[in-house]
Amino acid sequence: MAKKNTLLKSKERRSVQDVAGFLRQLADRLEQNEITLQRGADEIHIDVPDRVTFKVKAKEKIKKQSTKRQLKLTLKWKEGDRAKNRVQVA
């Protein structure tokens, strides 16, 4: 069975503007195929390949007195999954 390691986990209440800014910074780093996440002295560096699986999921949970909504954005790839062997025009 595969071993899973949580590299970083965070759950915070932030303003929508703050989250949007975080996502913009993340998108800029994603385009460079390198993401570094930092919390205090803890820092992780993630190399991202040129192609990833991108999943968007929106759901809601309706109760009598309230409705909870959730939006998940997931990026997945396998380590070393770079497009090295693709045919290109030279």
C-alpha atoms as a PDB file:
ATOM      1  CA  MET A   1       0.000   0.000   0.000  1.00  0.00           C
ATOM      2  CA  ALA A   2       1.240   3.472  -0.875  1.00  0.00           C
ATOM      3  CA  LYS A   3       2.490   5.720   1.902  1.00  0.00           C
ATOM      4  CA  LYS A   4       0.884   9.183   2.110  1.00  0.00           C
ATOM      5  CA  ASN A   5       2.659  12.181   3.625  1.00  0.00           C
ATOM      6  CA  THR A   6       0.957  15.482   4.320  1.00  0.00           C
ATOM      7  CA  LEU A   7       3.508  18.123   3.390  1.00  0.00           C
ATOM      8  CA  LEU A   8       1.437  21.101   4.528  1.00  0.00           C
ATOM      9  CA  LYS A   9      -2.124  21.592   5.688  1.00  0.00           C
ATOM     10  CA  SER A  10      -3.871  24.867   6.376  1.00  0.00           C
ATOM     11  CA  LYS A  11      -7.393  25.991   7.177  1.00  0.00           C
ATOM     12  CA  GLU A  12      -7.927  29.700   7.800  1.00  0.00           C
ATOM     13  CA  ARG A  13     -10.710  32.242   7.582  1.00  0.00           C
ATOM     14  CA  ARG A  14      -9.597  34.998   5.216  1.00  0.00           C
ATOM     15  CA  SER A  15     -11.252  37.769   3.282  1.00  0.00           C
ATOM     16  CA  VAL A  16     -12.240  37.002  -0.303  1.00  0.00           C
ATOM     17  CA  GLN A  17      -9.754  39.663  -1.463  1.00  0.00           C
ATOM     18  CA  ASP A  18      -6.933  37.983   0.482  1.00  0.00           C
ATOM     19  CA  VAL A  19      -7.780  34.559  -0.972  1.00  0.00           C
ATOM     20  CA  ALA A  20      -7.935  36.036  -4.490  1.00  0.00           C
ATOM     21  CA  GLY A  21      -4.476  37.543  -3.987  1.00  0.00           C
ATOM     22  CA  PHE A  22      -3.125  34.199  -2.772  1.00  0.00           C
ATOM     23  CA  LEU A  23      -4.594  32.446  -5.825  1.00  0.00           C
ATOM     24  CA  ARG A  24      -3.054  35.056  -8.160  1.00  0.00           C
ATOM     25  CA  GLN A  25       0.374  34.518  -6.607  1.00  0.00           C
ATOM     26  CA  LEU A  26      -0.109  30.759  -6.812  1.00  0.00           C
ATOM     27  CA  ALA A  27      -1.095  31.004 -10.490  1.00  0.00           C
ATOM     28  CA  ASP A  28       2.023  33.072 -11.260  1.00  0.00           C
ATOM     29  CA  ARG A  29       4.262  30.459  -9.612  1.00  0.00           C
ATOM     30  CA  LEU A  30       2.361  27.624 -11.285  1.00  0.00           C
ATOM     31  CA  GLU A  31       3.175  29.117 -14.702  1.00  0.00           C
ATOM     32  CA  GLN A  32       6.852  28.911 -13.710  1.00  0.00           C
ATOM     33  CA  ASN A  33       6.416  25.213 -12.709  1.00  0.00           C
ATOM     34  CA  GLU A  34       7.704  25.969  -9.205  1.00  0.00           C
ATOM     35  CA  ILE A  35       5.700  26.648  -6.061  1.00  0.00           C
ATOM     36  CA  THR A  36       7.089  27.417  -2.629  1.00  0.00           C
ATOM     37  CA  LEU A  37       4.701  27.479   0.311  1.00  0.00           C
ATOM     38  CA  GLN A  38       5.756  28.988   3.615  1.00  0.00           C
ATOM     39  CA  ARG A  39       4.207  29.155   7.073  1.00  0.00           C
ATOM     40  CA  GLY A  40       6.468  30.568   9.737  1.00  0.00           C
ATOM     41  CA  ALA A  41       9.806  28.752   9.540  1.00  0.00           C
ATOM     42  CA  ASP A  42       8.262  25.839   7.623  1.00  0.00           C
ATOM     43  CA  GLU A  43       8.753  25.932   3.865  1.00  0.00           C
ATOM     44  CA  ILE A  44       8.112  23.393   1.122  1.00  0.00           C
ATOM     45  CA  HIS A  45       9.188  23.575  -2.506  1.00  0.00           C
ATOM     46  CA  ILE A  46       7.086  21.848  -5.158  1.00  0.00           C
ATOM     47  CA  ASP A  47       8.168  21.265  -8.757  1.00  0.00           C
ATOM     48  CA  VAL A  48       5.122  21.096 -11.021  1.00  0.00           C
ATOM     49  CA  PRO A  49       5.274  19.384 -14.429  1.00  0.00           C
ATOM     50  CA  ASP A  50       4.041  20.978 -17.641  1.00  0.00           C
ATOM     51  CA  ARG A  51       0.822  18.911 -17.613  1.00  0.00           C
ATOM     52  CA  VAL A  52      -1.354  18.218 -14.581  1.00  0.00           C
ATOM     53  CA  THR A  53      -4.813  16.851 -13.929  1.00  0.00           C
ATOM     54  CA  PHE A  54      -7.036  19.757 -12.853  1.00  0.00           C
ATOM     55  CA  LYS A  55     -10.299  19.064 -11.055  1.00  0.00           C
ATOM     56  CA  VAL A  56     -12.969  21.552  -9.987  1.00  0.00           C
ATOM     57  CA  LYS A  57     -15.740  20.466  -7.637  1.00  0.00           C
ATOM     58  CA  ALA A  58     -18.580  22.600  -6.254  1.00  0.00           C
ATOM     59  CA  LYS A  59     -21.058  21.197  -3.767  1.00  0.00           C
ATOM     60  CA  GLU A  60     -23.573  22.270  -1.170  1.00  0.00           C
ATOM     61  CA  LYS A  61     -25.039  20.802   1.976  1.00  0.00           C
ATOM     62  CA  ILE A  62     -28.557  22.014   2.700  1.00  0.00           C
ATOM     63  CA  LYS A  63     -29.850  21.948   6.263  1.00  0.00           C
ATOM     64  CA  LYS A  64     -33.002  23.433   7.753  1.00  0.00           C
ATOM     65  CA  GLN A  65     -31.310  26.560   9.075  1.00  0.00           C
ATOM     66  CA  SER A  66     -28.307  26.986   6.792  1.00  0.00           C
ATOM     67  CA  THR A  67     -26.651  25.948   3.573  1.00  0.00           C
ATOM     68  CA  LYS A  68     -22.914  25.224   3.378  1.00  0.00           C
ATOM     69  CA  ARG A  69     -21.151  25.530   0.054  1.00  0.00           C
ATOM     70  CA  GLN A  70     -17.722  24.315  -0.906  1.00  0.00           C
ATOM     71  CA  LEU A  71     -15.457  24.853  -3.901  1.00  0.00           C
ATOM     72  CA  LYS A  72     -12.458  22.541  -4.317  1.00  0.00           C
ATOM     73  CA  LEU A  73      -9.653  23.035  -6.797  1.00  0.00           C
ATOM     74  CA  THR A  74      -7.303  20.071  -7.132  1.00  0.00           C
ATOM     75  CA  LEU A  75      -4.098  19.676  -9.115  1.00  0.00           C
ATOM     76  CA  LYS A  76      -2.646  16.161  -9.404  1.00  0.00           C
ATOM     77  CA  TRP A  77       0.418  14.690 -11.069  1.00  0.00           C
ATOM     78  CA  LYS A  78       2.953  11.941 -10.610  1.00  0.00           C
ATOM     79  CA  GLU A  79       6.501  12.736  -9.550  1.00  0.00           C
ATOM     80  CA  GLY A  80       8.805  13.035 -12.550  1.00  0.00           C
ATOM     81  CA  ASP A  81       5.812  13.375 -14.893  1.00  0.00           C
ATOM     82  CA  ARG A  82       7.450  15.868 -17.236  1.00  0.00           C
ATOM     83  CA  ALA A  83       6.674  15.907 -20.914  1.00  0.00           C
ATOM     84  CA  LYS A  84      10.233  14.954 -21.895  1.00  0.00           C
ATOM     85  CA  ASN A  85       9.382  12.402 -24.580  1.00  0.00           C
ATOM     86  CA  ARG A  86       6.860  14.457 -26.532  1.00  0.00           C
ATOM     87  CA  VAL A  87       7.475  14.943 -30.221  1.00  0.00           C
ATOM     88  CA  GLN A  88       8.397  18.518 -31.014  1.00  0.00           C
ATOM     89  CA  VAL A  89       9.383  20.408 -34.140  1.00  0.00           C
ATOM     90  CA  ALA A  90      13.100  21.135 -33.985  1.00  0.00           C
END
